[in-house]
Amino acid sequence: MGKYYHRRMEGGKAFLDVAKYSFTVGIIGGVLSDKFTFMYGIIVFLGGIVCAVVGAIMLPPKEGN
């Protein structure tokens, strides 16, 4: 394992969690507050995608046997 394997693993998981929560809070909050617009949906979607991509990049590759 590399020097920063565990840090990258936890950082990647954290970014993926942020992506999940931003989708959930953004969509549910927007619908419940009746202020959900197309632009708001696009911003929430893009923010979630950016966090998911950063999290996926940060996750270290699995080492084979």
Protein backbone atom coordinates (compact mmCIF):
# COMPACT_ATOMS: atom_id res chain seq x y z
CA MET A 1 0.00 0.00 0.00
CA GLY A 2 1.10 3.49 -0.75
CA LYS A 3 1.97 6.10 1.80
CA TYR A 4 -1.35 7.94 1.52
CA TYR A 5 -3.62 4.99 0.71
CA HIS A 6 -5.89 5.34 3.74
CA ARG A 7 -6.07 9.14 3.47
CA ARG A 8 -7.09 8.92 -0.18
CA MET A 9 -9.64 6.24 0.63
CA GLU A 10 -11.29 8.32 3.36
CA GLY A 11 -11.11 11.50 1.28
CA GLY A 12 -12.72 9.79 -1.69
CA LYS A 13 -15.47 8.35 0.49
CA ALA A 14 -16.10 11.79 1.99
CA PHE A 15 -16.50 13.39 -1.44
CA LEU A 16 -18.88 10.64 -2.53
CA ASP A 17 -20.92 11.20 0.64
CA VAL A 18 -21.03 14.95 -0.04
CA ALA A 19 -22.31 14.20 -3.54
CA LYS A 20 -25.09 11.97 -2.17
CA TYR A 21 -26.10 14.52 0.45
CA SER A 22 -26.06 17.45 -1.97
CA PHE A 23 -28.36 15.57 -4.36
CA THR A 24 -30.69 14.61 -1.53
CA VAL A 25 -30.83 17.97 0.21
CA GLY A 26 -30.93 19.92 -3.03
CA ILE A 27 -33.77 17.97 -4.60
CA ILE A 28 -35.89 17.43 -1.49
CA GLY A 29 -35.26 20.93 -0.17
CA GLY A 30 -36.08 22.49 -3.51
CA VAL A 31 -39.30 20.54 -3.91
CA LEU A 32 -40.49 21.15 -0.36
CA SER A 33 -39.76 24.88 -0.45
CA ASP A 34 -41.59 25.38 -3.80
CA LYS A 35 -38.56 27.30 -5.07
CA PHE A 36 -37.28 24.52 -7.30
CA THR A 37 -36.43 25.98 -10.70
CA PHE A 38 -34.68 24.50 -13.69
CA MET A 39 -31.52 26.52 -12.95
CA TYR A 40 -31.53 25.38 -9.31
CA GLY A 41 -31.81 21.76 -10.46
CA ILE A 42 -28.90 22.18 -12.88
CA ILE A 43 -26.70 23.74 -10.18
CA VAL A 44 -27.48 20.98 -7.68
CA PHE A 45 -26.88 18.31 -10.33
CA LEU A 46 -23.55 19.79 -11.47
CA GLY A 47 -22.34 20.26 -7.89
CA GLY A 48 -23.15 16.64 -7.11
CA ILE A 49 -21.44 15.43 -10.28
CA VAL A 50 -18.29 17.43 -9.51
CA CYS A 51 -18.11 15.99 -5.98
CA ALA A 52 -18.72 12.46 -7.28
CA VAL A 53 -16.00 12.77 -9.93
CA VAL A 54 -13.48 14.19 -7.44
CA GLY A 55 -14.32 11.38 -5.02
CA ALA A 56 -13.92 8.73 -7.70
CA ILE A 57 -10.56 10.16 -8.76
CA MET A 58 -9.33 10.31 -5.16
CA LEU A 59 -10.13 6.65 -4.47
CA PRO A 60 -6.92 4.64 -4.85
CA PRO A 61 -6.95 1.66 -7.19
CA LYS A 62 -7.36 -1.73 -5.58
CA GLU A 63 -4.14 -3.65 -5.35
CA GLY A 64 -4.27 -7.19 -6.74
CA ASN A 65 -2.99 -10.32 -5.08
